[in-house]
Amino acid sequence: MNGTAYGFLTAAAPDADTLTRALAQGFGVPAARVDVAPDGTVDGRNWDTALVTCEYEILRAGDLRGMLNVYATPAVTAPPAPEELAAALARESGTPVLVEWGREPWIRKVLLPQGRATYAAIEDLDVAKDQPWFRVYAVQAGLPAFPEAEVEGLPAVVHGLPPRTPLADALGAHRALLHPWEALVSRMAAGWPPTRWYGADMYLEDLEARDRLEAALPALPGPVRSALATLDARFRELTVDDAGEELGADPSATSWYRHRRPAVLPWRVLLPVDPEAAHWLWKWVEEGAEGRPGGVDLSSLDLSGADVAGADFSGSLFCGTRLTGARLTGTDFHRSHLQGADLTGADATGACFVRADLDGAVLRGTALDGADFTRADLYGADARGATLRGAGLLGATLLHADFRGADLTGARLGENTFEVALDDTTLVAGLTGTLTGPATLTTPSGPHPLSGAALESWLRSRGATVRVIAPRRIRSSPAS
């Protein structure tokens, strides 16, 4: 009787003691019966008494730094599933652990220390013989461990969980013709497993498969036509007729099914790894499908790594919400409340923050190029290292905001209260408009206030074309 073998990749370099504890817990065996050693080690091993062995390799380059080969002997009567063991390793080691998942070898499920999970696509660069070098080039949700990976939907993850297609399976030689259409209907009915995402291009491919069915319809036998009628009826139940608007179909020139789109659009967002945040964000997607007006309350949730590019969150609540590493390009936060929200490392290029409240928000390293902050409140916002190239800050309240190391190249001001923190790494070339001070310049010798002509001179010496004006005073009423 053979034992059970496992293979894992880790984001951080493995540690022998940590692996021993994690494997003992994962297999439910004494730590003394676990043997862990670097790959290729022979001396000092306790193969004779070990119930579980693990050889690990520390990778010197790439996004993944550890490779583990684990083996449980037949004496371990109830070995855990690979994902279960990966979760135990992630929890104990405090680093993401990747395990093979689905049909494609480059797709891995990523188990996280917090007990959460997502998916990643990896590439074995094989730059040198016997020196593996893995690159994580895409993730289903953004992860701090892989900051260079693209956040995108992964079709291979969808295809790695095949849906049930009983009608097509019963059709013998005609199975291949009906299978894509039944697979789409099954996925839609099940809520788009496993990640509640399905690409618009994938949906269009399924419509092309339905086109082939339509062309073949006159020659199809009765059982195939009957199965197709059943699937078409279910497709109508799960979709809405939008006159082809979502996918650009011309109702006068295309078949009926091309005028319909899923009632809940599965390509609208990429959900975060946090289950509670994913639940409430998906509820918002569902409510949008039902046409419910108004904003949404996502306060205090962890939306880190989510992709909500282009979404309309006008009038919504994000108070204290974590949006670190999120993709917010072109997202509309008009009149939304983001007090204390954490957008560290997020990409909010071109986002709309008109009249939004970002008091106390953390914008460290956030990409805000071209964003519109007209009349927004940024009292006490921490924008250190943020990029605001070409951003519109007309009339925004910037009291006690921190722009040290920020890039304000080409940004536009208009009678702004500019009581902000600056330093010599703050870029202001092309900054235009009018403002009032005083600002605070941080130098090696300490902070120095800058106001009036001194502030204007400092900004202009660095390429800005701004004018510092006196604060407006409220005119008092004449005595009666």
Protein backbone atom coordinates (compact mmCIF):
# COMPACT_ATOMS: atom_id res chain seq x y z
CA MET A 1 0.00 0.00 0.00
CA ASN A 2 1.41 3.37 -1.02
CA GLY A 3 1.50 6.48 1.10
CA THR A 4 0.34 9.98 0.18
CA ALA A 5 2.54 12.60 -1.53
CA TYR A 6 2.04 16.36 -1.61
CA GLY A 7 3.76 19.27 -3.34
CA PHE A 8 3.58 22.92 -2.26
CA LEU A 9 5.14 26.27 -3.08
CA THR A 10 5.49 29.02 -0.48
CA ALA A 11 5.82 32.79 -0.73
CA ALA A 12 8.45 32.93 2.03
CA ALA A 13 11.50 30.75 2.60
CA PRO A 14 10.60 27.66 4.64
CA ASP A 15 11.79 27.12 8.19
CA ALA A 16 12.38 23.56 9.41
CA ASP A 17 10.99 24.02 12.93
CA THR A 18 7.87 25.76 11.64
CA LEU A 19 7.32 23.03 9.06
CA THR A 20 7.67 20.35 11.71
CA ARG A 21 5.00 21.94 13.91
CA ALA A 22 2.65 22.56 10.99
CA LEU A 23 2.96 19.04 9.60
CA ALA A 24 2.49 17.48 13.02
CA GLN A 25 -0.73 19.45 13.44
CA GLY A 26 -1.89 18.84 9.89
CA PHE A 27 -1.46 15.08 10.08
CA GLY A 28 -2.30 14.71 13.74
CA VAL A 29 0.97 12.97 14.58
CA PRO A 30 3.67 13.68 17.21
CA ALA A 31 6.32 16.17 16.11
CA ALA A 32 8.95 13.53 16.89
CA ARG A 33 7.48 11.41 14.09
CA VAL A 34 7.94 14.18 11.49
CA ASP A 35 11.22 14.38 9.58
CA VAL A 36 12.02 17.72 7.87
CA ALA A 37 15.28 18.45 6.06
CA PRO A 38 16.65 20.44 3.12
CA ASP A 39 16.32 18.69 -0.22
CA GLY A 40 19.16 16.25 -0.83
CA THR A 41 20.09 15.82 2.85
CA VAL A 42 20.86 12.24 3.85
CA ASP A 43 22.69 12.42 7.18
CA GLY A 44 20.68 12.79 10.36
CA ARG A 45 17.35 11.68 8.90
CA ASN A 46 14.95 9.52 10.92
CA TRP A 47 13.29 7.70 8.03
CA ASP A 48 12.92 4.53 10.11
CA THR A 49 10.53 6.10 12.62
CA ALA A 50 9.02 9.05 10.74
CA LEU A 51 5.37 8.92 9.78
CA VAL A 52 5.70 12.11 7.71
CA THR A 53 8.73 13.36 5.79
CA CYS A 54 9.32 16.69 4.12
CA GLU A 55 12.15 17.80 1.86
CA TYR A 56 12.26 21.54 1.22
CA GLU A 57 14.22 23.79 -1.10
CA ILE A 58 14.86 27.49 -0.59
CA LEU A 59 14.54 29.27 -3.93
CA ARG A 60 17.04 32.08 -4.42
CA ALA A 61 15.06 34.17 -6.91
CA GLY A 62 11.54 34.78 -8.13
CA ASP A 63 8.22 35.46 -6.42
CA LEU A 64 8.16 32.12 -4.59
CA ARG A 65 10.89 31.26 -2.14
CA GLY A 66 10.07 27.76 -0.99
CA MET A 67 9.30 24.38 -2.56
CA LEU A 68 8.07 21.50 -0.38
CA ASN A 69 7.70 17.79 -1.07
CA VAL A 70 5.76 16.06 1.68
CA TYR A 71 5.12 12.35 2.07
CA ALA A 72 2.90 10.54 4.56
CA THR A 73 3.52 6.83 5.04
CA PRO A 74 0.67 4.28 4.85
CA ALA A 75 0.67 4.27 8.65
CA VAL A 76 -1.06 7.68 8.54
CA THR A 77 -4.57 6.35 8.14
CA ALA A 78 -6.46 9.61 7.52
CA PRO A 79 -4.15 11.94 5.59
CA PRO A 80 -5.63 15.42 4.94
CA ALA A 81 -6.58 16.68 1.50
CA PRO A 82 -3.88 18.82 -0.16
CA GLU A 83 -5.83 22.07 0.34
CA GLU A 84 -6.46 21.24 3.99
CA LEU A 85 -2.76 20.62 4.60
CA ALA A 86 -1.81 23.76 2.65
CA ALA A 87 -4.15 25.78 4.86
CA ALA A 88 -2.47 24.37 7.99
CA LEU A 89 0.97 25.21 6.60
CA ALA A 90 -0.13 28.78 5.73
CA ARG A 91 -1.66 29.31 9.16
CA GLU A 92 1.39 28.09 11.06
CA SER A 93 4.05 29.67 8.85
CA GLY A 94 2.29 33.00 8.30
CA THR A 95 2.92 32.95 4.54
CA PRO A 96 0.81 32.09 1.48
CA VAL A 97 1.04 28.45 0.39
CA LEU A 98 0.25 27.42 -3.18
CA VAL A 99 -1.17 24.05 -4.15
CA GLU A 100 -2.04 22.61 -7.56
CA TRP A 101 -5.67 23.11 -8.53
CA GLY A 102 -7.77 22.27 -11.53
CA ARG A 103 -6.64 20.99 -14.88
CA GLU A 104 -3.81 23.35 -15.71
CA PRO A 105 -0.40 23.01 -14.01
CA TRP A 106 0.19 26.75 -13.98
CA ILE A 107 -2.95 27.45 -11.90
CA ARG A 108 -2.53 27.25 -8.14
CA LYS A 109 -4.91 27.79 -5.27
CA VAL A 110 -3.37 30.17 -2.76
CA LEU A 111 -4.10 29.43 0.89
CA LEU A 112 -3.54 32.44 3.14
CA PRO A 113 -2.55 32.64 6.81
CA GLN A 114 -5.90 34.23 7.74
CA GLY A 115 -7.75 31.13 6.55
CA ARG A 116 -8.76 32.70 3.24
CA ALA A 117 -7.98 31.62 -0.29
CA THR A 118 -7.70 32.86 -3.86
CA TYR A 119 -6.10 31.70 -7.10
CA ALA A 120 -2.90 32.52 -8.95
CA ALA A 121 -1.24 31.83 -12.29
CA ILE A 122 2.46 31.02 -12.12
CA GLU A 123 5.27 30.64 -14.60
CA ASP A 124 8.35 28.45 -14.17
CA LEU A 125 11.09 30.59 -15.71
CA ASP A 126 13.69 27.80 -15.47
CA VAL A 127 16.53 30.32 -15.78
CA ALA A 128 19.18 27.85 -14.70
CA LYS A 129 19.38 24.09 -14.44
CA ASP A 130 18.36 22.77 -11.02
CA GLN A 131 17.48 26.29 -9.88
CA PRO A 132 13.68 26.74 -10.15
CA TRP A 133 12.48 30.31 -10.45
CA PHE A 134 8.75 30.94 -10.30
CA ARG A 135 6.92 34.12 -11.24
CA VAL A 136 3.37 34.81 -10.08
CA TYR A 137 2.07 36.78 -13.05
CA ALA A 138 -1.65 36.95 -12.24
CA VAL A 139 -3.92 36.65 -9.21
CA GLN A 140 -7.70 36.51 -8.93
CA ALA A 141 -7.51 39.04 -6.04
CA GLY A 142 -4.63 41.34 -5.21
CA LEU A 143 -2.19 40.03 -2.59
CA PRO A 144 0.59 41.99 -0.83
CA ALA A 145 2.90 38.99 -1.24
CA PHE A 146 2.78 39.38 -5.02
CA PRO A 147 2.66 43.12 -5.72
CA GLU A 148 3.78 42.78 -9.35
CA ALA A 149 1.09 40.27 -10.32
CA GLU A 150 -1.77 41.44 -12.50
CA VAL A 151 -5.17 41.29 -10.81
CA GLU A 152 -7.46 39.68 -13.37
CA GLY A 153 -10.07 37.02 -13.85
CA LEU A 154 -8.55 33.62 -14.57
CA PRO A 155 -10.54 31.59 -17.14
CA ALA A 156 -8.51 28.47 -16.29
CA VAL A 157 -9.90 28.62 -12.75
CA VAL A 158 -13.45 28.59 -14.12
CA HIS A 159 -12.66 25.70 -16.46
CA GLY A 160 -10.93 23.86 -13.63
CA LEU A 161 -14.34 23.23 -12.06
CA PRO A 162 -16.40 21.59 -14.82
CA PRO A 163 -20.17 22.00 -14.45
CA ARG A 164 -22.70 19.19 -14.67
CA THR A 165 -24.07 18.76 -18.20
CA PRO A 166 -26.48 15.79 -18.04
CA LEU A 167 -28.47 16.72 -21.15
CA ALA A 168 -25.38 16.96 -23.36
CA ASP A 169 -23.83 13.86 -21.81
CA ALA A 170 -26.85 11.81 -22.87
CA LEU A 171 -26.58 12.78 -26.53
CA GLY A 172 -23.64 10.66 -27.62
CA ALA A 173 -22.22 11.97 -30.91
CA HIS A 174 -24.01 15.33 -30.49
CA ARG A 175 -22.59 15.97 -27.01
CA ALA A 176 -19.85 18.34 -28.19
CA LEU A 177 -22.38 20.52 -29.97
CA LEU A 178 -24.63 21.03 -26.95
CA HIS A 179 -22.06 20.89 -24.16
CA PRO A 180 -20.83 24.55 -24.22
CA TRP A 181 -24.38 25.88 -24.07
CA GLU A 182 -25.40 23.63 -21.19
CA ALA A 183 -22.14 24.43 -19.38
CA LEU A 184 -22.97 28.16 -19.55
CA VAL A 185 -26.50 27.64 -18.27
CA SER A 186 -25.22 25.40 -15.45
CA ARG A 187 -22.59 27.90 -14.36
CA MET A 188 -25.10 30.74 -14.43
CA ALA A 189 -27.64 28.76 -12.38
CA ALA A 190 -24.96 27.85 -9.81
CA GLY A 191 -23.84 31.47 -9.31
CA TRP A 192 -20.64 31.31 -11.35
CA PRO A 193 -18.42 29.00 -9.25
CA PRO A 194 -15.81 28.92 -7.92
CA THR A 195 -15.16 32.67 -7.64
CA ARG A 196 -18.42 34.29 -8.89
CA TRP A 197 -16.55 35.60 -11.90
CA TYR A 198 -16.99 34.89 -15.59
CA GLY A 199 -15.41 36.99 -18.31
CA ALA A 200 -17.50 38.87 -20.87
CA ASP A 201 -15.31 37.40 -23.61
CA MET A 202 -16.01 33.91 -22.26
CA TYR A 203 -19.73 34.62 -22.38
CA LEU A 204 -19.39 35.77 -26.00
CA GLU A 205 -17.60 32.53 -26.86
CA ASP A 206 -20.58 30.65 -25.43
CA LEU A 207 -22.91 32.71 -27.61
CA GLU A 208 -20.79 31.71 -30.60
CA ALA A 209 -21.33 28.08 -29.62
CA ARG A 210 -25.07 28.80 -29.60
CA ASP A 211 -24.67 30.30 -33.10
CA ARG A 212 -23.27 26.96 -34.28
CA LEU A 213 -26.25 25.20 -32.76
CA GLU A 214 -28.60 27.59 -34.52
CA ALA A 215 -26.92 26.91 -37.87
CA ALA A 216 -27.15 23.16 -37.32
CA LEU A 217 -30.71 23.23 -35.99
CA PRO A 218 -32.55 22.03 -39.15
CA ALA A 219 -30.47 18.86 -39.29
CA LEU A 220 -30.53 18.02 -35.57
CA PRO A 221 -32.45 14.95 -34.38
CA GLY A 222 -35.46 15.27 -32.09
CA PRO A 223 -33.66 14.53 -28.76
CA VAL A 224 -31.09 17.25 -29.42
CA ARG A 225 -33.79 19.77 -30.36
CA SER A 226 -35.74 18.87 -27.22
CA ALA A 227 -32.66 19.28 -24.98
CA LEU A 228 -31.87 22.60 -26.65
CA ALA A 229 -35.41 23.86 -26.04
CA THR A 230 -35.05 22.99 -22.35
CA LEU A 231 -31.73 24.84 -22.09
CA ASP A 232 -33.04 27.86 -24.00
CA ALA A 233 -35.97 28.13 -21.61
CA ARG A 234 -33.63 28.03 -18.61
CA PHE A 235 -31.33 30.57 -20.28
CA ARG A 236 -34.27 32.96 -20.64
CA GLU A 237 -35.06 32.59 -16.93
CA LEU A 238 -31.51 33.46 -15.90
CA THR A 239 -30.95 36.40 -18.24
CA VAL A 240 -32.52 39.74 -19.06
CA ASP A 241 -33.17 41.35 -22.42
CA ASP A 242 -31.18 44.58 -22.64
CA ALA A 243 -31.56 44.98 -26.40
CA GLY A 244 -27.92 43.96 -26.80
CA GLU A 245 -26.59 47.03 -24.96
CA GLU A 246 -24.15 45.29 -22.59
CA LEU A 247 -22.40 43.28 -25.30
CA GLY A 248 -22.98 45.51 -28.31
CA ALA A 249 -25.36 43.29 -30.26
CA ASP A 250 -27.69 44.75 -32.86
CA PRO A 251 -31.21 43.35 -32.24
CA SER A 252 -32.12 43.80 -35.90
CA ALA A 253 -29.21 41.73 -37.15
CA THR A 254 -28.53 39.07 -34.48
CA SER A 255 -30.35 36.16 -32.86
CA TRP A 256 -32.53 36.58 -29.74
CA TYR A 257 -29.99 35.15 -27.31
CA ARG A 258 -27.44 37.81 -28.24
CA HIS A 259 -29.78 40.50 -26.91
CA ARG A 260 -29.74 38.95 -23.44
CA ARG A 261 -27.14 39.14 -20.70
CA PRO A 262 -26.88 37.50 -17.26
CA ALA A 263 -29.24 39.00 -14.69
CA VAL A 264 -26.21 39.39 -12.40
CA LEU A 265 -23.15 40.39 -14.40
CA PRO A 266 -20.27 38.10 -13.39
CA TRP A 267 -17.65 40.31 -15.06
CA ARG A 268 -18.59 43.41 -13.08
CA VAL A 269 -16.09 42.94 -10.22
CA LEU A 270 -13.31 40.70 -8.97
CA LEU A 271 -14.12 39.92 -5.37
CA PRO A 272 -11.65 40.29 -2.48
CA VAL A 273 -10.35 37.30 -0.53
CA ASP A 274 -12.15 38.28 2.67
CA PRO A 275 -15.38 36.21 2.71
CA GLU A 276 -17.52 38.79 4.50
CA ALA A 277 -16.41 41.61 2.20
CA ALA A 278 -16.91 39.38 -0.85
CA HIS A 279 -20.44 38.56 0.33
CA TRP A 280 -21.52 42.18 0.72
CA LEU A 281 -19.83 43.32 -2.48
CA TRP A 282 -21.63 40.57 -4.37
CA LYS A 283 -24.90 41.64 -2.75
CA TRP A 284 -24.26 45.09 -4.23
CA VAL A 285 -23.72 43.49 -7.64
CA GLU A 286 -27.01 41.60 -7.27
CA GLU A 287 -28.91 44.68 -6.16
CA GLY A 288 -27.55 46.60 -9.12
CA ALA A 289 -28.93 43.87 -11.35
CA GLU A 290 -32.34 44.42 -9.75
CA GLY A 291 -32.14 48.13 -10.52
CA ARG A 292 -32.15 49.29 -6.91
CA PRO A 293 -31.14 52.96 -6.71
CA GLY A 294 -28.81 54.60 -4.20
CA GLY A 295 -25.41 53.84 -2.71
CA VAL A 296 -24.15 50.98 -0.61
CA ASP A 297 -22.67 50.69 2.88
CA LEU A 298 -19.36 48.79 2.77
CA SER A 299 -17.90 50.45 5.86
CA SER A 300 -15.24 48.65 7.90
CA LEU A 301 -14.97 45.76 5.43
CA ASP A 302 -11.72 44.43 3.98
CA LEU A 303 -11.93 44.94 0.23
CA SER A 304 -8.16 44.65 -0.19
CA GLY A 305 -7.18 43.38 -3.61
CA ALA A 306 -10.68 43.70 -5.11
CA ASP A 307 -11.20 44.96 -8.65
CA VAL A 308 -14.12 47.38 -8.89
CA ALA A 309 -12.80 49.46 -11.78
CA GLY A 310 -15.44 51.67 -13.33
CA ALA A 311 -18.06 50.88 -10.69
CA ASP A 312 -20.56 53.54 -9.62
CA PHE A 313 -20.33 53.95 -5.84
CA SER A 314 -21.70 57.49 -5.76
CA GLY A 315 -23.29 58.30 -2.41
CA SER A 316 -21.84 55.19 -0.75
CA LEU A 317 -20.22 54.57 2.64
CA PHE A 318 -16.64 53.30 2.88
CA CYS A 319 -15.85 54.58 6.37
CA GLY A 320 -12.84 52.70 7.72
CA THR A 321 -12.88 50.34 4.74
CA ARG A 322 -9.65 48.63 3.67
CA LEU A 323 -9.07 49.09 -0.05
CA THR A 324 -5.34 48.39 -0.01
CA GLY A 325 -4.08 47.23 -3.38
CA ALA A 326 -7.58 47.48 -4.87
CA ARG A 327 -8.16 48.37 -8.52
CA LEU A 328 -10.33 51.48 -8.55
CA THR A 329 -9.52 52.92 -11.98
CA GLY A 330 -12.35 55.11 -13.18
CA THR A 331 -14.48 54.25 -10.15
CA ASP A 332 -17.11 56.85 -9.16
CA PHE A 333 -17.05 57.89 -5.48
CA HIS A 334 -19.04 61.11 -6.01
CA ARG A 335 -20.34 62.34 -2.63
CA SER A 336 -19.20 59.12 -0.96
CA HIS A 337 -17.86 58.90 2.59
CA LEU A 338 -14.38 57.42 2.85
CA GLN A 339 -13.35 58.78 6.23
CA GLY A 340 -10.47 56.71 7.56
CA ALA A 341 -10.49 54.43 4.52
CA ASP A 342 -7.16 52.78 3.69
CA LEU A 343 -6.30 52.97 -0.02
CA THR A 344 -2.61 52.18 0.41
CA GLY A 345 -1.15 50.99 -2.89
CA ALA A 346 -4.52 51.08 -4.65
CA ASP A 347 -4.84 52.13 -8.30
CA ALA A 348 -7.48 54.86 -8.45
CA THR A 349 -6.30 56.40 -11.70
CA GLY A 350 -9.05 58.56 -13.17
CA ALA A 351 -11.40 57.93 -10.25
CA CYS A 352 -14.07 60.49 -9.32
CA PHE A 353 -13.93 61.82 -5.75
CA VAL A 354 -15.99 64.96 -6.41
CA ARG A 355 -17.38 66.22 -3.06
CA ALA A 356 -16.27 62.98 -1.41
CA ASP A 357 -15.20 62.96 2.23
CA LEU A 358 -11.72 61.45 2.64
CA ASP A 359 -10.92 62.95 6.05
CA GLY A 360 -8.20 60.87 7.66
CA ALA A 361 -7.95 58.56 4.65
CA VAL A 362 -4.69 56.72 4.01
CA LEU A 363 -3.53 57.28 0.44
CA ARG A 364 0.07 56.16 0.82
CA GLY A 365 1.51 55.11 -2.52
CA THR A 366 -1.94 55.33 -4.10
CA ALA A 367 -2.12 55.97 -7.86
CA LEU A 368 -4.48 58.95 -8.23
CA ASP A 369 -3.31 60.27 -11.58
CA GLY A 370 -6.10 62.14 -13.34
CA ALA A 371 -8.47 61.68 -10.40
CA ASP A 372 -11.05 64.40 -9.74
CA PHE A 373 -11.12 65.74 -6.17
CA THR A 374 -13.20 68.84 -6.86
CA ARG A 375 -14.64 70.10 -3.55
CA ALA A 376 -13.49 66.93 -1.78
CA ASP A 377 -12.52 66.92 1.91
CA LEU A 378 -9.05 65.52 2.64
CA TYR A 379 -8.54 66.81 6.18
CA GLY A 380 -5.66 64.89 7.73
CA ALA A 381 -5.31 62.58 4.73
CA ASP A 382 -1.98 60.73 4.52
CA ALA A 383 -0.96 60.96 0.85
CA ARG A 384 2.75 60.27 1.31
CA GLY A 385 4.20 58.82 -1.87
CA ALA A 386 0.90 59.11 -3.73
CA THR A 387 0.87 60.06 -7.41
CA LEU A 388 -1.62 62.78 -8.37
CA ARG A 389 -0.27 63.67 -11.81
CA GLY A 390 -2.88 65.77 -13.59
CA ALA A 391 -5.37 65.36 -10.74
CA GLY A 392 -8.07 67.99 -10.26
CA LEU A 393 -8.01 69.41 -6.72
CA LEU A 394 -10.18 72.47 -7.39
CA GLY A 395 -11.61 73.72 -4.13
CA ALA A 396 -10.60 70.58 -2.22
CA THR A 397 -10.00 70.97 1.52
CA LEU A 398 -6.40 69.96 2.19
CA LEU A 399 -6.00 70.96 5.84
CA HIS A 400 -3.24 68.94 7.54
CA ALA A 401 -2.89 66.61 4.55
CA ASP A 402 0.53 64.99 4.16
CA PHE A 403 2.03 65.23 0.65
CA ARG A 404 5.61 64.35 1.53
CA GLY A 405 7.06 62.36 -1.36
CA ALA A 406 3.87 62.81 -3.37
CA ASP A 407 3.85 63.59 -7.10
CA LEU A 408 1.61 66.57 -7.90
CA THR A 409 2.99 67.06 -11.39
CA GLY A 410 0.43 68.87 -13.53
CA ALA A 411 -2.24 68.84 -10.81
CA ARG A 412 -4.77 71.68 -10.75
CA LEU A 413 -5.70 73.80 -7.74
CA GLY A 414 -8.33 76.51 -7.34
CA GLU A 415 -8.52 78.58 -4.14
CA ASN A 416 -7.46 75.57 -2.10
CA THR A 417 -6.63 75.67 1.56
CA PHE A 418 -3.10 74.29 1.25
CA GLU A 419 -2.06 73.74 4.86
CA VAL A 420 -0.17 70.59 3.96
CA ALA A 421 3.11 68.87 4.74
CA LEU A 422 5.72 68.96 1.97
CA ASP A 423 9.36 67.94 1.64
CA ASP A 424 12.08 68.10 -0.98
CA THR A 425 10.83 64.88 -2.58
CA THR A 426 7.37 66.36 -3.26
CA LEU A 427 7.07 66.94 -7.02
CA VAL A 428 5.12 70.02 -8.09
CA ALA A 429 6.29 70.73 -11.68
CA GLY A 430 3.35 71.97 -13.72
CA LEU A 431 1.14 72.42 -10.63
CA THR A 432 -1.26 75.26 -11.46
CA GLY A 433 -3.93 77.39 -9.79
CA THR A 434 -4.39 79.38 -6.61
CA LEU A 435 -3.99 78.37 -2.99
CA THR A 436 -3.71 79.65 0.55
CA GLY A 437 -1.14 78.52 3.08
CA PRO A 438 0.63 78.07 5.27
CA ALA A 439 2.27 74.81 4.29
CA THR A 440 4.90 73.03 6.37
CA LEU A 441 8.19 72.07 4.76
CA THR A 442 9.91 69.15 6.43
CA THR A 443 13.71 69.38 6.29
CA PRO A 444 16.57 67.54 8.02
CA SER A 445 16.70 70.41 10.51
CA GLY A 446 13.00 70.15 11.30
CA PRO A 447 9.66 71.52 10.06
CA HIS A 448 9.49 75.05 8.67
CA PRO A 449 6.28 76.97 7.91
CA LEU A 450 5.91 78.45 4.44
CA SER A 451 3.30 81.07 3.68
CA GLY A 452 2.62 83.93 1.30
CA ALA A 453 5.48 84.89 -1.00
CA ALA A 454 7.82 82.31 0.55
CA LEU A 455 5.43 79.45 -0.24
CA GLU A 456 4.85 80.73 -3.76
CA SER A 457 8.59 81.07 -4.32
CA TRP A 458 9.27 77.53 -3.09
CA LEU A 459 6.62 76.06 -5.38
CA ARG A 460 7.66 78.11 -8.40
CA SER A 461 11.31 77.21 -7.93
CA ARG A 462 10.26 73.60 -8.50
CA GLY A 463 8.28 74.23 -11.66
CA ALA A 464 4.82 75.11 -10.33
CA THR A 465 2.92 78.08 -11.78
CA VAL A 466 0.68 78.74 -8.79
CA ARG A 467 -0.36 81.93 -7.06
CA VAL A 468 -0.63 82.12 -3.27
CA ILE A 469 -3.58 84.28 -2.29
CA ALA A 470 -4.86 85.61 1.02
CA PRO A 471 -7.55 83.55 2.75
CA ARG A 472 -11.05 84.77 2.18
CA ARG A 473 -12.50 86.64 5.12
CA ILE A 474 -16.15 86.58 6.03
CA ARG A 475 -17.48 90.10 5.79
CA SER A 476 -19.15 91.13 9.02
CA SER A 477 -22.57 92.73 8.95
CA PRO A 478 -22.70 96.49 9.65
CA ALA A 479 -23.81 97.43 13.12
CA SER A 480 -27.47 98.35 13.31
